[in-house]
Amino acid sequence: MKKIIFLFAFCVTVMANPAQAQDFGRAATDFYVMETFTNPGQFGTIPVAGPYFPIQNVITNNAFTMLGGDYNNAGVMYTFVYQAPDYVLGIVDLNTGAVNYAATVSGIVGGQFMSQLSYNYTNDTFYAISSDPNNENGSHFYSLNLATGVLTEIGTGTGIPNVVAMEIDNNGIVYAADAVSGDLFTIDVNTGVGTSVGNMYPGGLYPVRSGFTVDHSTNTLYAVLQNRSGVIWSYFNTVNTTTGEVTELGFGGSRKYSLFVIKEDGLGVEDQNLESFTVYPNPAANVLKIDNPQGAQIKGAKLFDMLGRNTGAVLINGEMNIENLSKGMYLLQIETENGTATKKIVKK
């Protein structure tokens, strides 16, 4: 039976708690996962600390097969879904597992499978990569237009035989896992060319259904991977991005995970009182500006990196100079007479 994606129109109202300040720098507690071993698949959450099998919190037992996914800067999760003969870009309802239509995807290199989607906080852009399980011409790297679903290929190929996992860290570094060699690669965001970092799995990886995700509070790369040797099992790991070495966290059972995303408990949600402030531009290259149309008194502002360290940037006359900061994601804390407000900021 053919599944159909339904388009829902909805309105969300956020109630703010003036007494609650954002706990920035907080490590993630759960992964969102989509497993495709069962039919239809399950969508839910698994604790970062385990156990990893079975899914601890099943949100739905009747999920569309979400092929990779990631949040944008506003905390909205996008994913690919295959609806023959097209790939569709959808928005995931995290409460129900429904996938709401956003656009039909175009621009895919012929014969390729779209399986990974990641957001780059340093330039406010989604990137996608195609899998090539037949090992005919290797994986291809794209930027994605969210409004139109159009993929624009970067370069003419990554040089990586078959990418089965991809993620972008706080600094805009693109990491990818190759199924053939089992190597960790980085991909140049400007040329699309891959460079091997080191080996993760000596026997290689199963050619589909693996994933990377980054805990942006610590910039830690997590992976759910399946090896090729014997029976195919899934394992949850952290990845050393300098050497490619993985550290096994636990066994994920005889399951295949097509979506693997950190549940951003402390990110992607506008905290209290933010409707009173406009912070722009975001992403920003040199200067952040803060407008306060409702006139609440600002007592102070601090900018923290994702490890909770104060950058020392100073707010003067409604402007904060960030020219000398590294590219990546930060949290702006604004102290007002009514409490504390926070907002996620991207330095490009």
C-alpha atoms as a PDB file:
ATOM      1  CA  MET A   1       0.000   0.000   0.000  1.00  0.00           C
ATOM      2  CA  LYS A   2       1.407   3.353  -0.995  1.00  0.00           C
ATOM      3  CA  LYS A   3       1.885   5.859   1.810  1.00  0.00           C
ATOM      4  CA  ILE A   4       0.808   9.449   1.244  1.00  0.00           C
ATOM      5  CA  ILE A   5       2.254  12.538   2.872  1.00  0.00           C
ATOM      6  CA  PHE A   6      -0.465  14.835   4.162  1.00  0.00           C
ATOM      7  CA  LEU A   7       0.012  18.576   4.344  1.00  0.00           C
ATOM      8  CA  PHE A   8      -1.160  20.048   7.612  1.00  0.00           C
ATOM      9  CA  ALA A   9      -1.738  23.704   8.373  1.00  0.00           C
ATOM     10  CA  PHE A  10      -1.172  24.548  11.980  1.00  0.00           C
ATOM     11  CA  CYS A  11      -0.534  27.398  14.388  1.00  0.00           C
ATOM     12  CA  VAL A  12       1.726  27.129  17.424  1.00  0.00           C
ATOM     13  CA  THR A  13       1.499  29.425  20.426  1.00  0.00           C
ATOM     14  CA  VAL A  14       4.441  29.493  22.825  1.00  0.00           C
ATOM     15  CA  MET A  15       3.719  30.404  26.423  1.00  0.00           C
ATOM     16  CA  ALA A  16       6.687  32.033  28.114  1.00  0.00           C
ATOM     17  CA  ASN A  17       7.639  31.667  31.750  1.00  0.00           C
ATOM     18  CA  PRO A  18       9.171  34.979  32.894  1.00  0.00           C
ATOM     19  CA  ALA A  19      10.886  33.300  35.828  1.00  0.00           C
ATOM     20  CA  GLN A  20      12.690  30.622  33.815  1.00  0.00           C
ATOM     21  CA  ALA A  21      16.101  31.230  32.240  1.00  0.00           C
ATOM     22  CA  GLN A  22      17.547  29.007  29.505  1.00  0.00           C
ATOM     23  CA  ASP A  23      20.019  26.371  30.721  1.00  0.00           C
ATOM     24  CA  PHE A  24      22.481  26.895  27.900  1.00  0.00           C
ATOM     25  CA  GLY A  25      25.389  24.490  27.486  1.00  0.00           C
ATOM     26  CA  ARG A  26      23.219  21.581  28.663  1.00  0.00           C
ATOM     27  CA  ALA A  27      24.157  18.250  27.113  1.00  0.00           C
ATOM     28  CA  ALA A  28      21.470  16.427  25.143  1.00  0.00           C
ATOM     29  CA  THR A  29      19.616  13.573  26.831  1.00  0.00           C
ATOM     30  CA  ASP A  30      17.950  11.773  23.898  1.00  0.00           C
ATOM     31  CA  PHE A  31      18.206  10.905  20.208  1.00  0.00           C
ATOM     32  CA  TYR A  32      15.294  11.047  17.784  1.00  0.00           C
ATOM     33  CA  VAL A  33      15.434   7.889  15.667  1.00  0.00           C
ATOM     34  CA  MET A  34      13.503   6.335  12.795  1.00  0.00           C
ATOM     35  CA  GLU A  35      13.983   2.589  12.504  1.00  0.00           C
ATOM     36  CA  THR A  36      13.119   0.755   9.302  1.00  0.00           C
ATOM     37  CA  PHE A  37      13.543  -2.894  10.308  1.00  0.00           C
ATOM     38  CA  THR A  38       9.835  -3.128  11.078  1.00  0.00           C
ATOM     39  CA  ASN A  39       7.224  -2.268   8.464  1.00  0.00           C
ATOM     40  CA  PRO A  40       5.792   0.287   8.930  1.00  0.00           C
ATOM     41  CA  GLY A  41       8.675   1.815  10.845  1.00  0.00           C
ATOM     42  CA  GLN A  42       8.871   3.235  14.338  1.00  0.00           C
ATOM     43  CA  PHE A  43       9.729   6.840  15.209  1.00  0.00           C
ATOM     44  CA  GLY A  44      10.691   7.777  18.757  1.00  0.00           C
ATOM     45  CA  THR A  45      13.497   8.614  21.169  1.00  0.00           C
ATOM     46  CA  ILE A  46      16.402   6.696  22.669  1.00  0.00           C
ATOM     47  CA  PRO A  47      18.374   7.991  25.685  1.00  0.00           C
ATOM     48  CA  VAL A  48      21.923   9.148  24.931  1.00  0.00           C
ATOM     49  CA  ALA A  49      23.011   7.125  27.962  1.00  0.00           C
ATOM     50  CA  GLY A  50      21.129   4.023  26.766  1.00  0.00           C
ATOM     51  CA  PRO A  51      19.716   1.449  26.709  1.00  0.00           C
ATOM     52  CA  TYR A  52      19.706   1.614  22.908  1.00  0.00           C
ATOM     53  CA  PHE A  53      17.381  -1.270  22.112  1.00  0.00           C
ATOM     54  CA  PRO A  54      14.471  -1.323  21.764  1.00  0.00           C
ATOM     55  CA  ILE A  55      13.274   2.277  21.230  1.00  0.00           C
ATOM     56  CA  GLN A  56      12.504   3.540  24.719  1.00  0.00           C
ATOM     57  CA  ASN A  57       9.830   6.094  23.789  1.00  0.00           C
ATOM     58  CA  VAL A  58       7.853   5.133  20.671  1.00  0.00           C
ATOM     59  CA  ILE A  59       6.057   8.211  19.317  1.00  0.00           C
ATOM     60  CA  THR A  60       4.435   6.326  16.429  1.00  0.00           C
ATOM     61  CA  ASN A  61       4.461   2.775  15.082  1.00  0.00           C
ATOM     62  CA  ASN A  62       3.343   3.965  11.666  1.00  0.00           C
ATOM     63  CA  ALA A  63       6.014   6.403  10.544  1.00  0.00           C
ATOM     64  CA  PHE A  64       7.061   7.493   7.082  1.00  0.00           C
ATOM     65  CA  THR A  65      10.622   6.415   6.315  1.00  0.00           C
ATOM     66  CA  MET A  66      12.551   9.580   7.159  1.00  0.00           C
ATOM     67  CA  LEU A  67      15.802   9.555   5.184  1.00  0.00           C
ATOM     68  CA  GLY A  68      18.147  11.603   7.301  1.00  0.00           C
ATOM     69  CA  GLY A  69      17.165  14.865   8.929  1.00  0.00           C
ATOM     70  CA  ASP A  70      18.277  17.853  10.965  1.00  0.00           C
ATOM     71  CA  TYR A  71      17.081  21.014  12.700  1.00  0.00           C
ATOM     72  CA  ASN A  72      17.462  24.491  11.281  1.00  0.00           C
ATOM     73  CA  ASN A  73      18.318  27.546  13.380  1.00  0.00           C
ATOM     74  CA  ALA A  74      14.666  27.944  14.413  1.00  0.00           C
ATOM     75  CA  GLY A  75      14.444  24.402  15.799  1.00  0.00           C
ATOM     76  CA  VAL A  76      12.405  22.973  12.889  1.00  0.00           C
ATOM     77  CA  MET A  77      13.360  19.433  11.821  1.00  0.00           C
ATOM     78  CA  TYR A  78      13.458  18.703   8.083  1.00  0.00           C
ATOM     79  CA  THR A  79      13.764  15.294   6.445  1.00  0.00           C
ATOM     80  CA  PHE A  80      13.667  13.517   3.070  1.00  0.00           C
ATOM     81  CA  VAL A  81      10.902  11.005   2.301  1.00  0.00           C
ATOM     82  CA  TYR A  82      10.784   8.891  -0.852  1.00  0.00           C
ATOM     83  CA  GLN A  83       7.397   8.897  -2.591  1.00  0.00           C
ATOM     84  CA  ALA A  84       7.947   7.138  -5.921  1.00  0.00           C
ATOM     85  CA  PRO A  85       9.061   8.518  -8.263  1.00  0.00           C
ATOM     86  CA  ASP A  86      10.030  11.609  -6.208  1.00  0.00           C
ATOM     87  CA  TYR A  87      11.901  12.552  -3.089  1.00  0.00           C
ATOM     88  CA  VAL A  88       9.947  14.969  -0.909  1.00  0.00           C
ATOM     89  CA  LEU A  89      11.278  17.458   1.623  1.00  0.00           C
ATOM     90  CA  GLY A  90       9.142  17.371   4.749  1.00  0.00           C
ATOM     91  CA  ILE A  91       8.862  18.951   8.193  1.00  0.00           C
ATOM     92  CA  VAL A  92       8.693  16.475  11.079  1.00  0.00           C
ATOM     93  CA  ASP A  93       6.046  16.912  13.759  1.00  0.00           C
ATOM     94  CA  LEU A  94       8.079  15.763  16.751  1.00  0.00           C
ATOM     95  CA  ASN A  95       4.968  15.111  18.837  1.00  0.00           C
ATOM     96  CA  THR A  96       3.260  12.746  16.401  1.00  0.00           C
ATOM     97  CA  GLY A  97       5.873  11.663  13.862  1.00  0.00           C
ATOM     98  CA  ALA A  98       3.804  13.095  11.006  1.00  0.00           C
ATOM     99  CA  VAL A  99       5.754  14.486   8.055  1.00  0.00           C
ATOM    100  CA  ASN A 100       4.313  17.697   6.643  1.00  0.00           C
ATOM    101  CA  TYR A 101       5.018  18.439   2.968  1.00  0.00           C
ATOM    102  CA  ALA A 102       7.444  21.309   2.304  1.00  0.00           C
ATOM    103  CA  ALA A 103       8.646  20.811  -1.306  1.00  0.00           C
ATOM    104  CA  THR A 104       9.365  18.216  -3.972  1.00  0.00           C
ATOM    105  CA  VAL A 105      13.115  17.632  -4.316  1.00  0.00           C
ATOM    106  CA  SER A 106      14.848  18.164  -7.677  1.00  0.00           C
ATOM    107  CA  GLY A 107      18.417  18.273  -8.965  1.00  0.00           C
ATOM    108  CA  ILE A 108      19.505  14.779  -7.857  1.00  0.00           C
ATOM    109  CA  VAL A 109      22.385  13.203  -9.793  1.00  0.00           C
ATOM    110  CA  GLY A 110      20.973  10.264 -11.766  1.00  0.00           C
ATOM    111  CA  GLY A 111      20.901   6.864 -10.075  1.00  0.00           C
ATOM    112  CA  GLN A 112      21.616   8.246  -6.610  1.00  0.00           C
ATOM    113  CA  PHE A 113      19.665   7.824  -3.359  1.00  0.00           C
ATOM    114  CA  MET A 114      19.077  10.795  -1.064  1.00  0.00           C
ATOM    115  CA  SER A 115      19.744   9.637   2.479  1.00  0.00           C
ATOM    116  CA  GLN A 116      21.407  12.402   4.500  1.00  0.00           C
ATOM    117  CA  LEU A 117      20.444  15.989   5.336  1.00  0.00           C
ATOM    118  CA  SER A 118      22.397  18.322   7.640  1.00  0.00           C
ATOM    119  CA  TYR A 119      22.228  21.980   8.655  1.00  0.00           C
ATOM    120  CA  ASN A 120      25.283  24.242   8.718  1.00  0.00           C
ATOM    121  CA  TYR A 121      24.950  26.804  11.523  1.00  0.00           C
ATOM    122  CA  THR A 122      27.856  28.888  10.207  1.00  0.00           C
ATOM    123  CA  ASN A 123      26.092  29.886   6.982  1.00  0.00           C
ATOM    124  CA  ASP A 124      22.402  29.066   7.625  1.00  0.00           C
ATOM    125  CA  THR A 125      22.316  26.454   4.855  1.00  0.00           C
ATOM    126  CA  PHE A 126      21.096  22.883   4.585  1.00  0.00           C
ATOM    127  CA  TYR A 127      23.343  20.378   2.807  1.00  0.00           C
ATOM    128  CA  ALA A 128      22.490  16.949   1.452  1.00  0.00           C
ATOM    129  CA  ILE A 129      24.483  13.984   0.229  1.00  0.00           C
ATOM    130  CA  SER A 130      23.472  11.081  -1.958  1.00  0.00           C
ATOM    131  CA  SER A 131      24.278   7.428  -1.385  1.00  0.00           C
ATOM    132  CA  ASP A 132      25.568   5.192  -4.169  1.00  0.00           C
ATOM    133  CA  PRO A 133      25.069   1.600  -2.966  1.00  0.00           C
ATOM    134  CA  ASN A 134      25.931   0.260  -6.438  1.00  0.00           C
ATOM    135  CA  ASN A 135      29.332   2.007  -6.290  1.00  0.00           C
ATOM    136  CA  GLU A 136      28.976   3.338  -9.818  1.00  0.00           C
ATOM    137  CA  ASN A 137      30.113   6.962  -9.563  1.00  0.00           C
ATOM    138  CA  GLY A 138      30.366   7.757  -5.851  1.00  0.00           C
ATOM    139  CA  SER A 139      28.397  10.060  -3.565  1.00  0.00           C
ATOM    140  CA  HIS A 140      27.524  13.638  -4.512  1.00  0.00           C
ATOM    141  CA  PHE A 141      27.254  16.690  -2.249  1.00  0.00           C
ATOM    142  CA  TYR A 142      24.580  19.395  -2.548  1.00  0.00           C
ATOM    143  CA  SER A 143      23.239  22.571  -0.998  1.00  0.00           C
ATOM    144  CA  LEU A 144      19.454  22.625  -0.575  1.00  0.00           C
ATOM    145  CA  ASN A 145      16.937  25.406  -1.081  1.00  0.00           C
ATOM    146  CA  LEU A 146      14.268  24.803   1.582  1.00  0.00           C
ATOM    147  CA  ALA A 147      11.658  26.918  -0.176  1.00  0.00           C
ATOM    148  CA  THR A 148      11.858  25.150  -3.549  1.00  0.00           C
ATOM    149  CA  GLY A 149      13.439  21.778  -2.746  1.00  0.00           C
ATOM    150  CA  VAL A 150      16.091  22.386  -5.421  1.00  0.00           C
ATOM    151  CA  LEU A 151      19.445  20.680  -4.853  1.00  0.00           C
ATOM    152  CA  THR A 152      22.550  22.397  -6.242  1.00  0.00           C
ATOM    153  CA  GLU A 153      25.513  20.075  -6.608  1.00  0.00           C
ATOM    154  CA  ILE A 154      28.773  21.357  -5.175  1.00  0.00           C
ATOM    155  CA  GLY A 155      31.646  20.206  -7.361  1.00  0.00           C
ATOM    156  CA  THR A 156      31.332  17.092  -9.491  1.00  0.00           C
ATOM    157  CA  GLY A 157      31.572  14.364  -6.879  1.00  0.00           C
ATOM    158  CA  THR A 158      33.004  13.785  -3.429  1.00  0.00           C
ATOM    159  CA  GLY A 159      35.395  11.015  -4.417  1.00  0.00           C
ATOM    160  CA  ILE A 160      33.811   8.933  -1.640  1.00  0.00           C
ATOM    161  CA  PRO A 161      32.340   5.633  -2.941  1.00  0.00           C
ATOM    162  CA  ASN A 162      29.167   5.483  -0.824  1.00  0.00           C
ATOM    163  CA  VAL A 163      28.342   7.895   2.017  1.00  0.00           C
ATOM    164  CA  VAL A 164      25.903   6.444   4.563  1.00  0.00           C
ATOM    165  CA  ALA A 165      26.131   9.117   7.280  1.00  0.00           C
ATOM    166  CA  MET A 166      26.777  12.873   7.239  1.00  0.00           C
ATOM    167  CA  GLU A 167      26.685  15.685   9.797  1.00  0.00           C
ATOM    168  CA  ILE A 168      28.040  19.237  10.180  1.00  0.00           C
ATOM    169  CA  ASP A 169      29.531  20.412  13.469  1.00  0.00           C
ATOM    170  CA  ASN A 170      29.447  23.806  15.208  1.00  0.00           C
ATOM    171  CA  ASN A 171      32.405  25.018  13.144  1.00  0.00           C
ATOM    172  CA  GLY A 172      30.884  24.141   9.792  1.00  0.00           C
ATOM    173  CA  ILE A 173      33.020  21.025   9.270  1.00  0.00           C
ATOM    174  CA  VAL A 174      31.213  18.348   7.237  1.00  0.00           C
ATOM    175  CA  TYR A 175      31.810  14.749   8.374  1.00  0.00           C
ATOM    176  CA  ALA A 176      30.807  11.681   6.374  1.00  0.00           C
ATOM    177  CA  ALA A 177      31.094   7.898   6.746  1.00  0.00           C
ATOM    178  CA  ASP A 178      31.974   5.714   3.756  1.00  0.00           C
ATOM    179  CA  ALA A 179      30.346   2.285   3.622  1.00  0.00           C
ATOM    180  CA  VAL A 180      32.999   0.732   1.379  1.00  0.00           C
ATOM    181  CA  SER A 181      36.132   1.547   3.395  1.00  0.00           C
ATOM    182  CA  GLY A 182      34.546   2.227   6.778  1.00  0.00           C
ATOM    183  CA  ASP A 183      36.508   5.514   6.848  1.00  0.00           C
ATOM    184  CA  LEU A 184      35.522   8.860   8.362  1.00  0.00           C
ATOM    185  CA  PHE A 185      35.821  11.688   5.816  1.00  0.00           C
ATOM    186  CA  THR A 186      35.574  15.455   5.892  1.00  0.00           C
ATOM    187  CA  ILE A 187      33.970  17.184   2.901  1.00  0.00           C
ATOM    188  CA  ASP A 188      35.025  20.620   1.676  1.00  0.00           C
ATOM    189  CA  VAL A 189      31.828  22.699   1.739  1.00  0.00           C
ATOM    190  CA  ASN A 190      33.079  24.793  -1.213  1.00  0.00           C
ATOM    191  CA  THR A 191      34.343  22.054  -3.540  1.00  0.00           C
ATOM    192  CA  GLY A 192      32.438  18.966  -2.348  1.00  0.00           C
ATOM    193  CA  VAL A 193      35.669  16.944  -2.259  1.00  0.00           C
ATOM    194  CA  GLY A 194      36.141  14.397   0.525  1.00  0.00           C
ATOM    195  CA  THR A 195      39.321  13.771   2.516  1.00  0.00           C
ATOM    196  CA  SER A 196      39.827  10.669   4.661  1.00  0.00           C
ATOM    197  CA  VAL A 197      40.394  11.297   8.366  1.00  0.00           C
ATOM    198  CA  GLY A 198      40.850   7.701   9.526  1.00  0.00           C
ATOM    199  CA  ASN A 199      39.180   4.324   9.752  1.00  0.00           C
ATOM    200  CA  MET A 200      36.076   3.693  11.827  1.00  0.00           C
ATOM    201  CA  TYR A 201      35.183   0.107  10.877  1.00  0.00           C
ATOM    202  CA  PRO A 202      37.914  -2.017   9.198  1.00  0.00           C
ATOM    203  CA  GLY A 203      35.347  -4.282   7.491  1.00  0.00           C
ATOM    204  CA  GLY A 204      33.320  -1.383   6.112  1.00  0.00           C
ATOM    205  CA  LEU A 205      29.688  -0.528   6.818  1.00  0.00           C
ATOM    206  CA  TYR A 206      26.337  -1.821   5.651  1.00  0.00           C
ATOM    207  CA  PRO A 207      25.564   0.310   2.536  1.00  0.00           C
ATOM    208  CA  VAL A 208      22.382   1.982   3.880  1.00  0.00           C
ATOM    209  CA  ARG A 209      20.692   3.039   7.135  1.00  0.00           C
ATOM    210  CA  SER A 210      23.361   4.604   9.329  1.00  0.00           C
ATOM    211  CA  GLY A 211      23.632   8.107  10.739  1.00  0.00           C
ATOM    212  CA  PHE A 212      25.652  10.879  12.376  1.00  0.00           C
ATOM    213  CA  THR A 213      24.408  13.598  14.722  1.00  0.00           C
ATOM    214  CA  VAL A 214      26.143  16.346  16.728  1.00  0.00           C
ATOM    215  CA  ASP A 215      25.349  17.390  20.282  1.00  0.00           C
ATOM    216  CA  HIS A 216      25.831  21.136  19.742  1.00  0.00           C
ATOM    217  CA  SER A 217      26.238  21.805  23.462  1.00  0.00           C
ATOM    218  CA  THR A 218      29.535  19.869  23.417  1.00  0.00           C
ATOM    219  CA  ASN A 219      30.249  19.583  19.655  1.00  0.00           C
ATOM    220  CA  THR A 220      30.393  15.796  20.107  1.00  0.00           C
ATOM    221  CA  LEU A 221      29.811  13.615  17.033  1.00  0.00           C
ATOM    222  CA  TYR A 222      27.611  10.567  17.643  1.00  0.00           C
ATOM    223  CA  ALA A 223      27.020   7.710  15.210  1.00  0.00           C
ATOM    224  CA  VAL A 224      24.709   4.746  14.787  1.00  0.00           C
ATOM    225  CA  LEU A 225      26.482   2.333  12.432  1.00  0.00           C
ATOM    226  CA  GLN A 226      26.073  -1.178  11.097  1.00  0.00           C
ATOM    227  CA  ASN A 227      29.070  -3.343  10.284  1.00  0.00           C
ATOM    228  CA  ARG A 228      29.273  -5.707   7.323  1.00  0.00           C
ATOM    229  CA  SER A 229      30.637  -8.771   9.104  1.00  0.00           C
ATOM    230  CA  GLY A 230      28.170 -11.624   9.608  1.00  0.00           C
ATOM    231  CA  VAL A 231      24.755 -10.652  10.946  1.00  0.00           C
ATOM    232  CA  ILE A 232      24.005  -6.947  10.548  1.00  0.00           C
ATOM    233  CA  TRP A 233      23.748  -5.286  13.962  1.00  0.00           C
ATOM    234  CA  SER A 234      23.520  -1.605  14.866  1.00  0.00           C
ATOM    235  CA  TYR A 235      25.882   0.000  17.380  1.00  0.00           C
ATOM    236  CA  PHE A 236      25.749   3.450  18.955  1.00  0.00           C
ATOM    237  CA  ASN A 237      29.079   5.282  19.199  1.00  0.00           C
ATOM    238  CA  THR A 238      30.907   8.527  19.699  1.00  0.00           C
ATOM    239  CA  VAL A 239      33.401   9.434  16.978  1.00  0.00           C
ATOM    240  CA  ASN A 240      36.863  10.942  17.391  1.00  0.00           C
ATOM    241  CA  THR A 241      36.831  13.523  14.610  1.00  0.00           C
ATOM    242  CA  THR A 242      40.636  13.778  14.622  1.00  0.00           C
ATOM    243  CA  THR A 243      41.384  10.075  14.097  1.00  0.00           C
ATOM    244  CA  GLY A 244      38.086   8.531  12.999  1.00  0.00           C
ATOM    245  CA  GLU A 245      38.183   6.095  15.922  1.00  0.00           C
ATOM    246  CA  VAL A 246      34.791   5.169  17.369  1.00  0.00           C
ATOM    247  CA  THR A 247      33.990   4.457  21.003  1.00  0.00           C
ATOM    248  CA  GLU A 248      31.103   2.041  21.362  1.00  0.00           C
ATOM    249  CA  LEU A 249      28.315   3.181  23.672  1.00  0.00           C
ATOM    250  CA  GLY A 250      26.004   0.228  23.277  1.00  0.00           C
ATOM    251  CA  PHE A 251      24.255  -2.343  21.127  1.00  0.00           C
ATOM    252  CA  GLY A 252      21.285  -1.225  19.024  1.00  0.00           C
ATOM    253  CA  GLY A 253      19.895  -4.621  18.060  1.00  0.00           C
ATOM    254  CA  SER A 254      18.942  -5.919  14.616  1.00  0.00           C
ATOM    255  CA  ARG A 255      17.547  -2.542  13.606  1.00  0.00           C
ATOM    256  CA  LYS A 256      18.285  -0.111  10.783  1.00  0.00           C
ATOM    257  CA  TYR A 257      18.085   3.599  11.576  1.00  0.00           C
ATOM    258  CA  SER A 258      17.376   5.943   8.672  1.00  0.00           C
ATOM    259  CA  LEU A 259      17.041   9.032  10.893  1.00  0.00           C
ATOM    260  CA  PHE A 260      19.344   9.833  13.829  1.00  0.00           C
ATOM    261  CA  VAL A 261      19.135  13.330  15.344  1.00  0.00           C
ATOM    262  CA  ILE A 262      20.029  14.686  18.775  1.00  0.00           C
ATOM    263  CA  LYS A 263      16.948  15.882  20.641  1.00  0.00           C
ATOM    264  CA  GLU A 264      17.848  19.510  21.285  1.00  0.00           C
ATOM    265  CA  ASP A 265      16.290  20.026  24.703  1.00  0.00           C
ATOM    266  CA  GLY A 266      18.060  23.300  25.350  1.00  0.00           C
ATOM    267  CA  LEU A 267      18.289  24.595  21.771  1.00  0.00           C
ATOM    268  CA  GLY A 268      15.990  25.547  18.970  1.00  0.00           C
ATOM    269  CA  VAL A 269      13.343  26.970  21.322  1.00  0.00           C
ATOM    270  CA  GLU A 270      12.979  30.673  21.864  1.00  0.00           C
ATOM    271  CA  ASP A 271      13.087  31.267  25.593  1.00  0.00           C
ATOM    272  CA  GLN A 272      10.974  33.655  27.617  1.00  0.00           C
ATOM    273  CA  ASN A 273      10.546  37.316  26.670  1.00  0.00           C
ATOM    274  CA  LEU A 274      12.213  36.938  23.246  1.00  0.00           C
ATOM    275  CA  GLU A 275       9.139  38.288  21.500  1.00  0.00           C
ATOM    276  CA  SER A 276      10.091  41.607  23.089  1.00  0.00           C
ATOM    277  CA  PHE A 277      13.505  41.674  21.383  1.00  0.00           C
ATOM    278  CA  THR A 278      14.764  41.614  17.825  1.00  0.00           C
ATOM    279  CA  VAL A 279      18.317  40.336  17.403  1.00  0.00           C
ATOM    280  CA  TYR A 280      19.738  40.785  13.899  1.00  0.00           C
ATOM    281  CA  PRO A 281      21.309  39.888  11.580  1.00  0.00           C
ATOM    282  CA  ASN A 282      21.352  36.179  12.374  1.00  0.00           C
ATOM    283  CA  PRO A 283      23.614  34.670  11.074  1.00  0.00           C
ATOM    284  CA  ALA A 284      25.950  37.636  11.624  1.00  0.00           C
ATOM    285  CA  ALA A 285      29.498  38.296  10.459  1.00  0.00           C
ATOM    286  CA  ASN A 286      30.655  41.292  12.485  1.00  0.00           C
ATOM    287  CA  VAL A 287      27.986  43.008  14.614  1.00  0.00           C
ATOM    288  CA  LEU A 288      24.837  41.865  16.420  1.00  0.00           C
ATOM    289  CA  LYS A 289      22.126  44.463  16.939  1.00  0.00           C
ATOM    290  CA  ILE A 290      19.437  44.246  19.613  1.00  0.00           C
ATOM    291  CA  ASP A 291      16.188  46.193  19.269  1.00  0.00           C
ATOM    292  CA  ASN A 292      13.830  46.468  22.218  1.00  0.00           C
ATOM    293  CA  PRO A 293      10.492  47.737  20.887  1.00  0.00           C
ATOM    294  CA  GLN A 294       8.558  47.189  24.130  1.00  0.00           C
ATOM    295  CA  GLY A 295      10.952  49.260  26.187  1.00  0.00           C
ATOM    296  CA  ALA A 296      12.003  46.683  28.803  1.00  0.00           C
ATOM    297  CA  GLN A 297      15.226  47.805  30.469  1.00  0.00           C
ATOM    298  CA  ILE A 298      18.274  45.757  29.462  1.00  0.00           C
ATOM    299  CA  LYS A 299      20.573  45.327  32.452  1.00  0.00           C
ATOM    300  CA  GLY A 300      23.265  43.439  30.572  1.00  0.00           C
ATOM    301  CA  ALA A 301      24.057  40.922  27.821  1.00  0.00           C
ATOM    302  CA  LYS A 302      26.576  38.107  27.533  1.00  0.00           C
ATOM    303  CA  LEU A 303      27.478  35.839  24.636  1.00  0.00           C
ATOM    304  CA  PHE A 304      28.456  32.244  25.424  1.00  0.00           C
ATOM    305  CA  ASP A 305      29.930  29.531  23.241  1.00  0.00           C
ATOM    306  CA  MET A 306      28.312  26.089  23.217  1.00  0.00           C
ATOM    307  CA  LEU A 307      30.514  24.925  26.090  1.00  0.00           C
ATOM    308  CA  GLY A 308      29.072  27.676  28.292  1.00  0.00           C
ATOM    309  CA  ARG A 309      32.185  29.893  28.172  1.00  0.00           C
ATOM    310  CA  ASN A 310      31.703  33.676  28.151  1.00  0.00           C
ATOM    311  CA  THR A 311      33.193  35.104  24.946  1.00  0.00           C
ATOM    312  CA  GLY A 312      33.686  38.521  26.527  1.00  0.00           C
ATOM    313  CA  ALA A 313      31.710  40.291  23.793  1.00  0.00           C
ATOM    314  CA  VAL A 314      30.255  43.567  25.130  1.00  0.00           C
ATOM    315  CA  LEU A 315      26.897  45.214  24.377  1.00  0.00           C
ATOM    316  CA  ILE A 316      27.298  48.949  23.707  1.00  0.00           C
ATOM    317  CA  ASN A 317      24.355  51.103  22.605  1.00  0.00           C
ATOM    318  CA  GLY A 318      22.389  48.085  21.433  1.00  0.00           C
ATOM    319  CA  GLU A 319      25.264  46.569  19.414  1.00  0.00           C
ATOM    320  CA  MET A 320      27.696  43.719  20.113  1.00  0.00           C
ATOM    321  CA  ASN A 321      30.934  43.326  18.143  1.00  0.00           C
ATOM    322  CA  ILE A 322      31.584  39.650  17.276  1.00  0.00           C
ATOM    323  CA  GLU A 323      34.041  40.192  14.420  1.00  0.00           C
ATOM    324  CA  ASN A 324      36.897  38.349  16.149  1.00  0.00           C
ATOM    325  CA  LEU A 325      34.914  35.284  17.195  1.00  0.00           C
ATOM    326  CA  SER A 326      35.234  31.934  15.410  1.00  0.00           C
ATOM    327  CA  LYS A 327      32.494  30.735  13.089  1.00  0.00           C
ATOM    328  CA  GLY A 328      29.866  28.645  14.813  1.00  0.00           C
ATOM    329  CA  MET A 329      26.915  28.744  17.157  1.00  0.00           C
ATOM    330  CA  TYR A 330      26.596  30.842  20.323  1.00  0.00           C
ATOM    331  CA  LEU A 331      23.970  31.665  22.927  1.00  0.00           C
ATOM    332  CA  LEU A 332      23.110  35.287  23.655  1.00  0.00           C
ATOM    333  CA  GLN A 333      21.851  35.888  27.193  1.00  0.00           C
ATOM    334  CA  ILE A 334      19.967  39.152  27.742  1.00  0.00           C
ATOM    335  CA  GLU A 335      19.251  40.173  31.324  1.00  0.00           C
ATOM    336  CA  THR A 336      16.201  42.403  31.666  1.00  0.00           C
ATOM    337  CA  GLU A 337      14.161  43.904  34.457  1.00  0.00           C
ATOM    338  CA  ASN A 338      11.648  41.090  33.891  1.00  0.00           C
ATOM    339  CA  GLY A 339      14.073  38.170  33.879  1.00  0.00           C
ATOM    340  CA  THR A 340      16.560  36.589  31.511  1.00  0.00           C
ATOM    341  CA  ALA A 341      16.059  35.866  27.814  1.00  0.00           C
ATOM    342  CA  THR A 342      18.307  33.760  25.579  1.00  0.00           C
ATOM    343  CA  LYS A 343      18.640  33.268  21.843  1.00  0.00           C
ATOM    344  CA  LYS A 344      20.720  31.033  19.637  1.00  0.00           C
ATOM    345  CA  ILE A 345      23.117  33.065  17.441  1.00  0.00           C
ATOM    346  CA  VAL A 346      25.223  31.985  14.466  1.00  0.00           C
ATOM    347  CA  LYS A 347      28.553  33.647  13.650  1.00  0.00           C
ATOM    348  CA  LYS A 348      29.350  33.240   9.962  1.00  0.00           C
END
